[in-house]
Amino acid sequence: MSRWILIGGAGLTGLKIAEDLIDHNVPNSKIIIADLKDSLKKVNINVKKVYSDISKNLLPRFEKDDIIIHLAARQYHLDVPKKNKLSWFREVNVTGTQNIINHCLKYKVKGLIFFSTDMVYGIPNFVPLTTNHPKNPIGPYGQSKLEAEELCFLARKKGLAITILRPRLIMGKGRLGIMKKLFKSIFNNMSVPLIGNGKNCYQMVSVKDCSEATILSVKNKIPNFELNLGSHAGPDVKTLLNLLIKKVNSKSIIMPLPALPLKIVLHILEIIGLPLLHKEQYKIADKNYIVDISDTYSKIGWKPKLSDKDMIIEAYNYWKNIK
């Protein structure tokens, strides 16, 4: 019986993968959730929870033929320091990834699924962004993830099978982030400011679809490819938000703002340590940002099931129930 070790498995995506494995018994597997915290609500005899800190090389003992799902990362929803941001991200995202890879190679595991990010691409040169789009991260998070990917490329040469998943903005119950401010404005019938005219598409991907991509990657023998995860291209940002406003019977009005001066203000706020958004967020907020998912279908047979509209309405209803 294969063991699935979910590193960083107490986060939203890891818990969804664990729950899907429990629900569907895929493939009659033992699940180990390795994380700093414990968030699993479903109890199952085949699930074990262990403390793990990849930055300090504190990992569960791997065994031959284990399946490793690497979800652990420092991201912007955490308390990002004002100084030495890149070093802070690297401590987990790069050093931690190297520690995991070393264990994978030592114990000859079956393979590794690594959750990276679309932020390795930076500002789009063309859309949709294919996996061979130039890599030019515009911030420390994307830079740290790109360095982690480079470690994966080296490990492939040593015989470790690694599938790299690059999701767009992950949406799901419990994953709100910057959406909290948006939803609060809509709930209170306030104006909703936009960076730019809102005619661009800002693609997302559901946590449910991320879980399915993980399981399909394993079923397809962990192919050595980088795969984008995103919804089918939906409506532009302005249309999407108006659909949400109408759906929830809000009286909010979309208020497009000139992108350049607003980005300058956001940049200044970030420099002085009072960020409303980080540059990896606001610099692409008015860009048409769609990743190409055709390779993901051809390599593992994955197609997204939820649309951007489905995701944002589901997220809003979840926020409304817990606010």
C-alpha atoms as a PDB file:
ATOM      1  CA  MET A   1       0.000   0.000   0.000  1.00  0.00           C
ATOM      2  CA  SER A   2       1.461   3.342  -1.071  1.00  0.00           C
ATOM      3  CA  ARG A   3       1.934   6.142   1.443  1.00  0.00           C
ATOM      4  CA  TRP A   4       1.038   9.684   0.476  1.00  0.00           C
ATOM      5  CA  ILE A   5       3.087  12.148   2.510  1.00  0.00           C
ATOM      6  CA  LEU A   6       1.582  15.628   2.309  1.00  0.00           C
ATOM      7  CA  ILE A   7       4.276  18.106   3.330  1.00  0.00           C
ATOM      8  CA  GLY A   8       2.461  21.273   4.361  1.00  0.00           C
ATOM      9  CA  GLY A   9      -0.678  19.167   4.338  1.00  0.00           C
ATOM     10  CA  ALA A  10      -2.532  21.180   6.973  1.00  0.00           C
ATOM     11  CA  GLY A  11      -3.147  24.031   4.533  1.00  0.00           C
ATOM     12  CA  LEU A  12      -6.229  24.399   2.363  1.00  0.00           C
ATOM     13  CA  THR A  13      -4.937  22.450  -0.637  1.00  0.00           C
ATOM     14  CA  GLY A  14      -3.306  19.713   1.418  1.00  0.00           C
ATOM     15  CA  LEU A  15      -6.462  19.134   3.448  1.00  0.00           C
ATOM     16  CA  LYS A  16      -8.537  18.946   0.274  1.00  0.00           C
ATOM     17  CA  ILE A  17      -6.174  16.343  -1.190  1.00  0.00           C
ATOM     18  CA  ALA A  18      -6.322  14.338   2.054  1.00  0.00           C
ATOM     19  CA  GLU A  19     -10.117  14.517   2.160  1.00  0.00           C
ATOM     20  CA  ASP A  20     -10.395  13.432  -1.484  1.00  0.00           C
ATOM     21  CA  LEU A  21      -8.088  10.489  -0.825  1.00  0.00           C
ATOM     22  CA  ILE A  22     -10.184   9.541   2.212  1.00  0.00           C
ATOM     23  CA  ASP A  23     -13.495   9.913   0.343  1.00  0.00           C
ATOM     24  CA  HIS A  24     -12.399   8.008  -2.741  1.00  0.00           C
ATOM     25  CA  ASN A  25      -9.825   5.657  -1.168  1.00  0.00           C
ATOM     26  CA  VAL A  26      -7.314   6.518  -3.904  1.00  0.00           C
ATOM     27  CA  PRO A  27      -5.540   4.181  -4.205  1.00  0.00           C
ATOM     28  CA  ASN A  28      -6.217   2.479  -0.828  1.00  0.00           C
ATOM     29  CA  SER A  29      -3.422   4.605   0.562  1.00  0.00           C
ATOM     30  CA  LYS A  30      -1.935   5.583   3.898  1.00  0.00           C
ATOM     31  CA  ILE A  31      -1.920   9.371   4.279  1.00  0.00           C
ATOM     32  CA  ILE A  32       0.625  11.256   6.361  1.00  0.00           C
ATOM     33  CA  ILE A  33      -0.023  14.950   6.950  1.00  0.00           C
ATOM     34  CA  ALA A  34       3.268  16.631   7.869  1.00  0.00           C
ATOM     35  CA  ASP A  35       2.983  20.251   8.978  1.00  0.00           C
ATOM     36  CA  LEU A  36       3.611  22.773  11.733  1.00  0.00           C
ATOM     37  CA  LYS A  37      -0.103  22.742  12.563  1.00  0.00           C
ATOM     38  CA  ASP A  38      -3.026  20.331  12.709  1.00  0.00           C
ATOM     39  CA  SER A  39      -6.176  21.300  10.802  1.00  0.00           C
ATOM     40  CA  LEU A  40      -7.636  18.005   9.571  1.00  0.00           C
ATOM     41  CA  LYS A  41     -11.274  17.645  10.629  1.00  0.00           C
ATOM     42  CA  LYS A  42     -12.079  14.307   9.035  1.00  0.00           C
ATOM     43  CA  VAL A  43     -10.819  11.355  11.074  1.00  0.00           C
ATOM     44  CA  ASN A  44      -9.730   8.194   9.334  1.00  0.00           C
ATOM     45  CA  ILE A  45      -7.749   5.152  10.397  1.00  0.00           C
ATOM     46  CA  ASN A  46      -5.427   5.586   7.399  1.00  0.00           C
ATOM     47  CA  VAL A  47      -4.428   9.159   8.283  1.00  0.00           C
ATOM     48  CA  LYS A  48      -1.479  10.036  10.490  1.00  0.00           C
ATOM     49  CA  LYS A  49      -0.493  13.571  11.526  1.00  0.00           C
ATOM     50  CA  VAL A  50       3.131  14.406  12.285  1.00  0.00           C
ATOM     51  CA  TYR A  51       5.010  17.597  13.134  1.00  0.00           C
ATOM     52  CA  SER A  52       7.263  18.840  10.346  1.00  0.00           C
ATOM     53  CA  ASP A  53       9.421  21.922   9.733  1.00  0.00           C
ATOM     54  CA  ILE A  54      11.114  21.702   6.367  1.00  0.00           C
ATOM     55  CA  SER A  55      13.276  24.775   6.980  1.00  0.00           C
ATOM     56  CA  LYS A  56      14.921  22.917   9.890  1.00  0.00           C
ATOM     57  CA  ASN A  57      15.006  19.590   8.027  1.00  0.00           C
ATOM     58  CA  LEU A  58      12.445  18.092  10.413  1.00  0.00           C
ATOM     59  CA  LEU A  59      10.651  15.625   8.171  1.00  0.00           C
ATOM     60  CA  PRO A  60       8.911  12.282   8.623  1.00  0.00           C
ATOM     61  CA  ARG A  61      11.048   9.312   7.658  1.00  0.00           C
ATOM     62  CA  PHE A  62      10.397   8.512   4.017  1.00  0.00           C
ATOM     63  CA  GLU A  63      10.162   4.978   2.692  1.00  0.00           C
ATOM     64  CA  LYS A  64      10.785   3.499  -0.724  1.00  0.00           C
ATOM     65  CA  ASP A  65       7.841   4.058  -3.056  1.00  0.00           C
ATOM     66  CA  ASP A  66       6.338   6.869  -0.956  1.00  0.00           C
ATOM     67  CA  ILE A  67       4.476   9.550  -2.888  1.00  0.00           C
ATOM     68  CA  ILE A  68       5.537  13.004  -1.690  1.00  0.00           C
ATOM     69  CA  ILE A  69       3.254  16.006  -2.181  1.00  0.00           C
ATOM     70  CA  HIS A  70       5.172  19.217  -1.405  1.00  0.00           C
ATOM     71  CA  LEU A  71       2.767  22.045  -0.570  1.00  0.00           C
ATOM     72  CA  ALA A  72       4.721  23.811   2.181  1.00  0.00           C
ATOM     73  CA  ALA A  73       5.594  27.426   1.413  1.00  0.00           C
ATOM     74  CA  ARG A  74       5.881  30.887   2.830  1.00  0.00           C
ATOM     75  CA  GLN A  75       3.352  33.112   1.078  1.00  0.00           C
ATOM     76  CA  TYR A  76       1.953  36.621   1.317  1.00  0.00           C
ATOM     77  CA  HIS A  77      -0.907  35.772   3.664  1.00  0.00           C
ATOM     78  CA  LEU A  78       1.702  35.285   6.413  1.00  0.00           C
ATOM     79  CA  ASP A  79       3.434  38.049   8.372  1.00  0.00           C
ATOM     80  CA  VAL A  80       6.003  39.049   5.748  1.00  0.00           C
ATOM     81  CA  PRO A  81       8.949  40.990   7.260  1.00  0.00           C
ATOM     82  CA  LYS A  82       9.629  44.531   6.101  1.00  0.00           C
ATOM     83  CA  LYS A  83      13.302  43.784   5.404  1.00  0.00           C
ATOM     84  CA  ASN A  84      15.173  40.833   3.883  1.00  0.00           C
ATOM     85  CA  LYS A  85      11.993  39.489   2.293  1.00  0.00           C
ATOM     86  CA  LEU A  86      13.789  37.257  -0.209  1.00  0.00           C
ATOM     87  CA  SER A  87      15.852  35.588   2.522  1.00  0.00           C
ATOM     88  CA  TRP A  88      12.686  35.024   4.527  1.00  0.00           C
ATOM     89  CA  PHE A  89      10.927  33.335   1.589  1.00  0.00           C
ATOM     90  CA  ARG A  90      14.028  31.324   0.701  1.00  0.00           C
ATOM     91  CA  GLU A  91      14.302  29.835   4.183  1.00  0.00           C
ATOM     92  CA  VAL A  92      11.272  27.622   3.539  1.00  0.00           C
ATOM     93  CA  ASN A  93      10.660  27.775  -0.202  1.00  0.00           C
ATOM     94  CA  VAL A  94      14.232  27.034  -1.274  1.00  0.00           C
ATOM     95  CA  THR A  95      16.118  25.522   1.674  1.00  0.00           C
ATOM     96  CA  GLY A  96      13.058  23.527   2.713  1.00  0.00           C
ATOM     97  CA  THR A  97      12.568  22.220  -0.827  1.00  0.00           C
ATOM     98  CA  GLN A  98      16.206  21.128  -0.977  1.00  0.00           C
ATOM     99  CA  ASN A  99      15.742  19.242   2.299  1.00  0.00           C
ATOM    100  CA  ILE A 100      12.702  17.429   0.903  1.00  0.00           C
ATOM    101  CA  ILE A 101      14.528  16.558  -2.316  1.00  0.00           C
ATOM    102  CA  ASN A 102      17.479  15.185  -0.357  1.00  0.00           C
ATOM    103  CA  HIS A 103      15.150  12.892   1.582  1.00  0.00           C
ATOM    104  CA  CYS A 104      13.394  11.802  -1.624  1.00  0.00           C
ATOM    105  CA  LEU A 105      16.700  10.824  -3.220  1.00  0.00           C
ATOM    106  CA  LYS A 106      18.014   9.132  -0.076  1.00  0.00           C
ATOM    107  CA  TYR A 107      14.980   6.911   0.391  1.00  0.00           C
ATOM    108  CA  LYS A 108      14.230   6.388  -3.313  1.00  0.00           C
ATOM    109  CA  VAL A 109      10.617   7.492  -3.165  1.00  0.00           C
ATOM    110  CA  LYS A 110       8.229   6.913  -6.045  1.00  0.00           C
ATOM    111  CA  GLY A 111       8.102  10.586  -6.929  1.00  0.00           C
ATOM    112  CA  LEU A 112       7.408  14.169  -5.902  1.00  0.00           C
ATOM    113  CA  ILE A 113       4.553  16.534  -6.760  1.00  0.00           C
ATOM    114  CA  PHE A 114       5.755  20.093  -6.188  1.00  0.00           C
ATOM    115  CA  PHE A 115       3.314  22.994  -5.931  1.00  0.00           C
ATOM    116  CA  SER A 116       5.031  26.015  -7.440  1.00  0.00           C
ATOM    117  CA  THR A 117       3.262  29.152  -8.671  1.00  0.00           C
ATOM    118  CA  ASP A 118       2.412  31.096 -11.814  1.00  0.00           C
ATOM    119  CA  MET A 119       4.389  33.963 -10.249  1.00  0.00           C
ATOM    120  CA  VAL A 120       7.570  32.449 -11.693  1.00  0.00           C
ATOM    121  CA  TYR A 121       6.504  33.965 -15.034  1.00  0.00           C
ATOM    122  CA  GLY A 122       6.232  37.602 -13.955  1.00  0.00           C
ATOM    123  CA  ILE A 123       4.442  40.083 -16.210  1.00  0.00           C
ATOM    124  CA  PRO A 124       3.068  38.233 -19.287  1.00  0.00           C
ATOM    125  CA  ASN A 125       4.866  38.680 -22.582  1.00  0.00           C
ATOM    126  CA  PHE A 126       1.991  36.889 -24.297  1.00  0.00           C
ATOM    127  CA  VAL A 127      -1.222  35.087 -23.390  1.00  0.00           C
ATOM    128  CA  PRO A 128      -2.070  32.432 -22.742  1.00  0.00           C
ATOM    129  CA  LEU A 129       1.171  31.837 -20.857  1.00  0.00           C
ATOM    130  CA  THR A 130       2.617  28.469 -21.825  1.00  0.00           C
ATOM    131  CA  THR A 131       4.954  26.608 -19.498  1.00  0.00           C
ATOM    132  CA  ASN A 132       7.950  27.723 -21.575  1.00  0.00           C
ATOM    133  CA  HIS A 133       7.066  31.416 -21.151  1.00  0.00           C
ATOM    134  CA  PRO A 134      10.170  33.368 -20.009  1.00  0.00           C
ATOM    135  CA  LYS A 135      10.659  33.259 -16.228  1.00  0.00           C
ATOM    136  CA  ASN A 136      11.050  36.742 -14.779  1.00  0.00           C
ATOM    137  CA  PRO A 137       9.532  36.959 -11.274  1.00  0.00           C
ATOM    138  CA  ILE A 138       8.734  40.477 -10.114  1.00  0.00           C
ATOM    139  CA  GLY A 139       8.922  39.780  -6.392  1.00  0.00           C
ATOM    140  CA  PRO A 140      10.641  37.649  -3.733  1.00  0.00           C
ATOM    141  CA  TYR A 141       7.947  34.986  -3.508  1.00  0.00           C
ATOM    142  CA  GLY A 142       8.064  34.187  -7.220  1.00  0.00           C
ATOM    143  CA  GLN A 143      11.867  34.351  -7.182  1.00  0.00           C
ATOM    144  CA  SER A 144      12.070  31.840  -4.323  1.00  0.00           C
ATOM    145  CA  LYS A 145       9.691  29.477  -6.115  1.00  0.00           C
ATOM    146  CA  LEU A 146      11.708  29.709  -9.325  1.00  0.00           C
ATOM    147  CA  GLU A 147      14.868  28.807  -7.388  1.00  0.00           C
ATOM    148  CA  ALA A 148      12.984  25.852  -5.894  1.00  0.00           C
ATOM    149  CA  GLU A 149      11.962  24.726  -9.379  1.00  0.00           C
ATOM    150  CA  GLU A 150      15.613  24.828 -10.439  1.00  0.00           C
ATOM    151  CA  LEU A 151      16.400  22.434  -7.591  1.00  0.00           C
ATOM    152  CA  CYS A 152      13.695  20.136  -8.947  1.00  0.00           C
ATOM    153  CA  PHE A 153      15.264  20.205 -12.426  1.00  0.00           C
ATOM    154  CA  LEU A 154      18.600  19.098 -10.944  1.00  0.00           C
ATOM    155  CA  ALA A 155      16.902  16.326  -8.964  1.00  0.00           C
ATOM    156  CA  ARG A 156      15.243  14.989 -12.117  1.00  0.00           C
ATOM    157  CA  LYS A 157      18.713  14.438 -13.563  1.00  0.00           C
ATOM    158  CA  LYS A 158      19.463  12.250 -10.528  1.00  0.00           C
ATOM    159  CA  GLY A 159      16.471  10.039 -11.271  1.00  0.00           C
ATOM    160  CA  LEU A 160      13.736  11.578  -9.130  1.00  0.00           C
ATOM    161  CA  ALA A 161      10.383  11.859 -10.897  1.00  0.00           C
ATOM    162  CA  ILE A 162       8.924  15.333 -10.242  1.00  0.00           C
ATOM    163  CA  THR A 163       5.756  16.933 -11.537  1.00  0.00           C
ATOM    164  CA  ILE A 164       5.714  20.702 -11.014  1.00  0.00           C
ATOM    165  CA  LEU A 165       2.275  22.278 -10.757  1.00  0.00           C
ATOM    166  CA  ARG A 166       1.934  26.018 -11.345  1.00  0.00           C
ATOM    167  CA  PRO A 167      -1.514  27.137 -10.134  1.00  0.00           C
ATOM    168  CA  ARG A 168      -3.068  30.532 -10.661  1.00  0.00           C
ATOM    169  CA  LEU A 169      -4.780  32.192  -7.692  1.00  0.00           C
ATOM    170  CA  ILE A 170      -6.194  29.273  -5.669  1.00  0.00           C
ATOM    171  CA  MET A 171      -9.777  29.787  -4.490  1.00  0.00           C
ATOM    172  CA  GLY A 172     -11.846  27.726  -2.115  1.00  0.00           C
ATOM    173  CA  LYS A 173     -13.516  27.624   1.277  1.00  0.00           C
ATOM    174  CA  GLY A 174     -10.992  28.931   3.775  1.00  0.00           C
ATOM    175  CA  ARG A 175      -8.799  30.574   1.143  1.00  0.00           C
ATOM    176  CA  LEU A 176      -9.819  34.240   1.064  1.00  0.00           C
ATOM    177  CA  GLY A 177      -6.686  36.404   1.320  1.00  0.00           C
ATOM    178  CA  ILE A 178      -7.185  39.754  -0.403  1.00  0.00           C
ATOM    179  CA  MET A 179     -10.761  38.741  -1.237  1.00  0.00           C
ATOM    180  CA  LYS A 180     -11.840  39.597   2.332  1.00  0.00           C
ATOM    181  CA  LYS A 181     -11.639  43.341   1.636  1.00  0.00           C
ATOM    182  CA  LEU A 182     -13.469  42.936  -1.658  1.00  0.00           C
ATOM    183  CA  PHE A 183     -16.270  40.891  -0.111  1.00  0.00           C
ATOM    184  CA  LYS A 184     -16.634  43.300   2.806  1.00  0.00           C
ATOM    185  CA  SER A 185     -17.071  46.218   0.403  1.00  0.00           C
ATOM    186  CA  ILE A 186     -19.691  44.349  -1.614  1.00  0.00           C
ATOM    187  CA  PHE A 187     -21.559  43.239   1.517  1.00  0.00           C
ATOM    188  CA  ASN A 188     -21.666  46.827   2.773  1.00  0.00           C
ATOM    189  CA  ASN A 189     -22.782  48.198  -0.634  1.00  0.00           C
ATOM    190  CA  MET A 190     -19.578  50.223  -0.974  1.00  0.00           C
ATOM    191  CA  SER A 191     -17.802  51.194  -4.194  1.00  0.00           C
ATOM    192  CA  VAL A 192     -15.306  48.632  -5.433  1.00  0.00           C
ATOM    193  CA  PRO A 193     -12.102  50.211  -6.813  1.00  0.00           C
ATOM    194  CA  LEU A 194     -10.262  48.512  -9.674  1.00  0.00           C
ATOM    195  CA  ILE A 195      -6.674  48.920 -10.797  1.00  0.00           C
ATOM    196  CA  GLY A 196      -7.245  49.828 -14.457  1.00  0.00           C
ATOM    197  CA  ASN A 197     -10.410  49.543 -16.500  1.00  0.00           C
ATOM    198  CA  GLY A 198     -11.215  45.956 -15.500  1.00  0.00           C
ATOM    199  CA  LYS A 199     -11.317  44.694 -19.079  1.00  0.00           C
ATOM    200  CA  ASN A 200      -8.591  42.150 -18.396  1.00  0.00           C
ATOM    201  CA  CYS A 201      -9.105  38.522 -17.399  1.00  0.00           C
ATOM    202  CA  TYR A 202      -7.602  37.500 -14.047  1.00  0.00           C
ATOM    203  CA  GLN A 203      -7.774  33.721 -14.015  1.00  0.00           C
ATOM    204  CA  MET A 204      -8.173  31.583 -10.887  1.00  0.00           C
ATOM    205  CA  VAL A 205      -8.228  27.873 -10.044  1.00  0.00           C
ATOM    206  CA  SER A 206     -10.281  26.037  -7.452  1.00  0.00           C
ATOM    207  CA  VAL A 207      -8.762  24.046  -4.617  1.00  0.00           C
ATOM    208  CA  LYS A 208     -10.926  21.130  -5.781  1.00  0.00           C
ATOM    209  CA  ASP A 209      -9.303  21.214  -9.207  1.00  0.00           C
ATOM    210  CA  CYS A 210      -5.829  21.458  -7.621  1.00  0.00           C
ATOM    211  CA  SER A 211      -6.562  18.297  -5.666  1.00  0.00           C
ATOM    212  CA  GLU A 212      -7.695  16.469  -8.783  1.00  0.00           C
ATOM    213  CA  ALA A 213      -4.557  17.558 -10.666  1.00  0.00           C
ATOM    214  CA  THR A 214      -2.426  16.106  -7.865  1.00  0.00           C
ATOM    215  CA  ILE A 215      -4.178  12.748  -7.905  1.00  0.00           C
ATOM    216  CA  LEU A 216      -4.128  12.579 -11.712  1.00  0.00           C
ATOM    217  CA  SER A 217      -0.385  13.364 -11.722  1.00  0.00           C
ATOM    218  CA  VAL A 218       0.208  10.336  -9.503  1.00  0.00           C
ATOM    219  CA  LYS A 219      -2.109   8.122 -11.564  1.00  0.00           C
ATOM    220  CA  ASN A 220      -0.074   9.126 -14.629  1.00  0.00           C
ATOM    221  CA  LYS A 221       3.171   8.023 -12.932  1.00  0.00           C
ATOM    222  CA  ILE A 222       4.374  11.501 -11.925  1.00  0.00           C
ATOM    223  CA  PRO A 223       5.515  12.786 -15.334  1.00  0.00           C
ATOM    224  CA  ASN A 224       8.562  15.067 -15.454  1.00  0.00           C
ATOM    225  CA  PHE A 225       6.718  18.129 -16.684  1.00  0.00           C
ATOM    226  CA  GLU A 226       5.723  21.602 -15.509  1.00  0.00           C
ATOM    227  CA  LEU A 227       1.941  21.956 -15.688  1.00  0.00           C
ATOM    228  CA  ASN A 228      -0.219  25.078 -15.421  1.00  0.00           C
ATOM    229  CA  LEU A 229      -3.437  25.011 -13.404  1.00  0.00           C
ATOM    230  CA  GLY A 230      -6.159  27.521 -14.146  1.00  0.00           C
ATOM    231  CA  SER A 231      -9.819  27.834 -15.022  1.00  0.00           C
ATOM    232  CA  HIS A 232     -11.138  28.018 -18.547  1.00  0.00           C
ATOM    233  CA  ALA A 233     -10.868  31.661 -19.596  1.00  0.00           C
ATOM    234  CA  GLY A 234     -13.898  33.439 -18.216  1.00  0.00           C
ATOM    235  CA  PRO A 235     -15.289  36.980 -18.178  1.00  0.00           C
ATOM    236  CA  ASP A 236     -13.108  40.036 -17.602  1.00  0.00           C
ATOM    237  CA  VAL A 237     -12.631  41.340 -14.060  1.00  0.00           C
ATOM    238  CA  LYS A 238     -15.269  44.054 -14.286  1.00  0.00           C
ATOM    239  CA  THR A 239     -17.880  41.668 -15.678  1.00  0.00           C
ATOM    240  CA  LEU A 240     -17.017  39.010 -13.109  1.00  0.00           C
ATOM    241  CA  LEU A 241     -17.398  41.397 -10.178  1.00  0.00           C
ATOM    242  CA  ASN A 242     -20.666  42.779 -11.552  1.00  0.00           C
ATOM    243  CA  LEU A 243     -21.963  39.207 -11.797  1.00  0.00           C
ATOM    244  CA  LEU A 244     -21.080  38.671  -8.140  1.00  0.00           C
ATOM    245  CA  ILE A 245     -22.654  41.973  -7.066  1.00  0.00           C
ATOM    246  CA  LYS A 246     -25.857  41.093  -8.870  1.00  0.00           C
ATOM    247  CA  LYS A 247     -25.881  37.535  -7.526  1.00  0.00           C
ATOM    248  CA  VAL A 248     -25.643  38.652  -3.887  1.00  0.00           C
ATOM    249  CA  ASN A 249     -28.061  41.578  -4.327  1.00  0.00           C
ATOM    250  CA  SER A 250     -25.497  44.230  -3.458  1.00  0.00           C
ATOM    251  CA  LYS A 251     -25.729  47.875  -4.492  1.00  0.00           C
ATOM    252  CA  SER A 252     -21.975  48.248  -4.919  1.00  0.00           C
ATOM    253  CA  ILE A 253     -20.638  50.031  -7.981  1.00  0.00           C
ATOM    254  CA  ILE A 254     -17.409  49.151  -9.779  1.00  0.00           C
ATOM    255  CA  MET A 255     -15.015  52.106  -9.818  1.00  0.00           C
ATOM    256  CA  PRO A 256     -12.151  51.738 -12.336  1.00  0.00           C
ATOM    257  CA  LEU A 257      -9.091  53.828 -11.460  1.00  0.00           C
ATOM    258  CA  PRO A 258      -6.061  54.812 -13.594  1.00  0.00           C
ATOM    259  CA  ALA A 259      -3.550  52.022 -13.158  1.00  0.00           C
ATOM    260  CA  LEU A 260      -0.257  53.942 -13.236  1.00  0.00           C
ATOM    261  CA  PRO A 261      -0.834  56.490 -10.440  1.00  0.00           C
ATOM    262  CA  LEU A 262      -2.520  53.866  -8.273  1.00  0.00           C
ATOM    263  CA  LYS A 263       0.420  51.481  -8.692  1.00  0.00           C
ATOM    264  CA  ILE A 264       2.797  54.286  -7.670  1.00  0.00           C
ATOM    265  CA  VAL A 265       0.803  54.804  -4.463  1.00  0.00           C
ATOM    266  CA  LEU A 266       0.763  51.069  -3.750  1.00  0.00           C
ATOM    267  CA  HIS A 267       4.505  50.902  -4.373  1.00  0.00           C
ATOM    268  CA  ILE A 268       5.163  53.706  -1.880  1.00  0.00           C
ATOM    269  CA  LEU A 269       2.962  52.021   0.723  1.00  0.00           C
ATOM    270  CA  GLU A 270       4.863  48.774   0.241  1.00  0.00           C
ATOM    271  CA  ILE A 271       8.226  50.522   0.628  1.00  0.00           C
ATOM    272  CA  ILE A 272       7.235  52.141   3.929  1.00  0.00           C
ATOM    273  CA  GLY A 273       5.943  48.844   5.277  1.00  0.00           C
ATOM    274  CA  LEU A 274       2.193  49.461   4.945  1.00  0.00           C
ATOM    275  CA  PRO A 275       1.310  47.317   1.937  1.00  0.00           C
ATOM    276  CA  LEU A 276      -2.282  47.100   0.784  1.00  0.00           C
ATOM    277  CA  LEU A 277      -1.035  44.762  -1.946  1.00  0.00           C
ATOM    278  CA  HIS A 278       2.403  43.376  -2.759  1.00  0.00           C
ATOM    279  CA  LYS A 279       4.011  44.157  -6.113  1.00  0.00           C
ATOM    280  CA  GLU A 280       3.514  40.593  -7.323  1.00  0.00           C
ATOM    281  CA  GLN A 281      -0.178  41.320  -6.897  1.00  0.00           C
ATOM    282  CA  TYR A 282      -0.705  44.924  -7.985  1.00  0.00           C
ATOM    283  CA  LYS A 283       1.715  44.929 -10.919  1.00  0.00           C
ATOM    284  CA  ILE A 284      -0.354  42.330 -12.768  1.00  0.00           C
ATOM    285  CA  ALA A 285      -3.786  43.423 -11.478  1.00  0.00           C
ATOM    286  CA  ASP A 286      -4.618  45.202 -14.747  1.00  0.00           C
ATOM    287  CA  LYS A 287      -2.909  42.676 -17.012  1.00  0.00           C
ATOM    288  CA  ASN A 288      -4.626  40.031 -19.086  1.00  0.00           C
ATOM    289  CA  TYR A 289      -3.306  36.986 -17.246  1.00  0.00           C
ATOM    290  CA  ILE A 290      -4.326  33.572 -18.541  1.00  0.00           C
ATOM    291  CA  VAL A 291      -2.173  30.449 -18.308  1.00  0.00           C
ATOM    292  CA  ASP A 292      -2.333  27.799 -21.001  1.00  0.00           C
ATOM    293  CA  ILE A 293      -3.645  24.496 -19.640  1.00  0.00           C
ATOM    294  CA  SER A 294      -3.545  22.399 -22.824  1.00  0.00           C
ATOM    295  CA  ASP A 295      -0.373  20.578 -21.711  1.00  0.00           C
ATOM    296  CA  THR A 296      -2.005  19.713 -18.397  1.00  0.00           C
ATOM    297  CA  TYR A 297      -4.799  17.982 -20.283  1.00  0.00           C
ATOM    298  CA  SER A 298      -2.487  16.196 -22.714  1.00  0.00           C
ATOM    299  CA  LYS A 299      -0.093  14.968 -20.000  1.00  0.00           C
ATOM    300  CA  ILE A 300      -2.469  13.948 -17.182  1.00  0.00           C
ATOM    301  CA  GLY A 301      -5.990  14.328 -18.605  1.00  0.00           C
ATOM    302  CA  TRP A 302      -6.908  17.239 -16.330  1.00  0.00           C
ATOM    303  CA  LYS A 303      -9.602  19.812 -17.037  1.00  0.00           C
ATOM    304  CA  PRO A 304     -10.887  22.423 -14.566  1.00  0.00           C
ATOM    305  CA  LYS A 305     -14.434  21.822 -13.377  1.00  0.00           C
ATOM    306  CA  LEU A 306     -15.155  25.161 -11.699  1.00  0.00           C
ATOM    307  CA  SER A 307     -15.347  28.536 -13.445  1.00  0.00           C
ATOM    308  CA  ASP A 308     -14.128  31.850 -12.041  1.00  0.00           C
ATOM    309  CA  LYS A 309     -17.779  32.783 -11.457  1.00  0.00           C
ATOM    310  CA  ASP A 310     -18.415  29.555  -9.518  1.00  0.00           C
ATOM    311  CA  MET A 311     -15.329  30.096  -7.391  1.00  0.00           C
ATOM    312  CA  ILE A 312     -15.887  33.720  -6.460  1.00  0.00           C
ATOM    313  CA  ILE A 313     -19.556  33.148  -5.544  1.00  0.00           C
ATOM    314  CA  GLU A 314     -18.623  30.110  -3.437  1.00  0.00           C
ATOM    315  CA  ALA A 315     -15.870  32.092  -1.716  1.00  0.00           C
ATOM    316  CA  TYR A 316     -18.201  35.019  -1.022  1.00  0.00           C
ATOM    317  CA  ASN A 317     -20.864  32.766   0.508  1.00  0.00           C
ATOM    318  CA  TYR A 318     -18.232  31.112   2.685  1.00  0.00           C
ATOM    319  CA  TRP A 319     -16.961  34.513   3.853  1.00  0.00           C
ATOM    320  CA  LYS A 320     -20.501  35.695   4.577  1.00  0.00           C
ATOM    321  CA  ASN A 321     -21.153  32.664   6.786  1.00  0.00           C
ATOM    322  CA  ILE A 322     -17.986  33.096   8.877  1.00  0.00           C
ATOM    323  CA  LYS A 323     -17.610  36.880   9.020  1.00  0.00           C
END
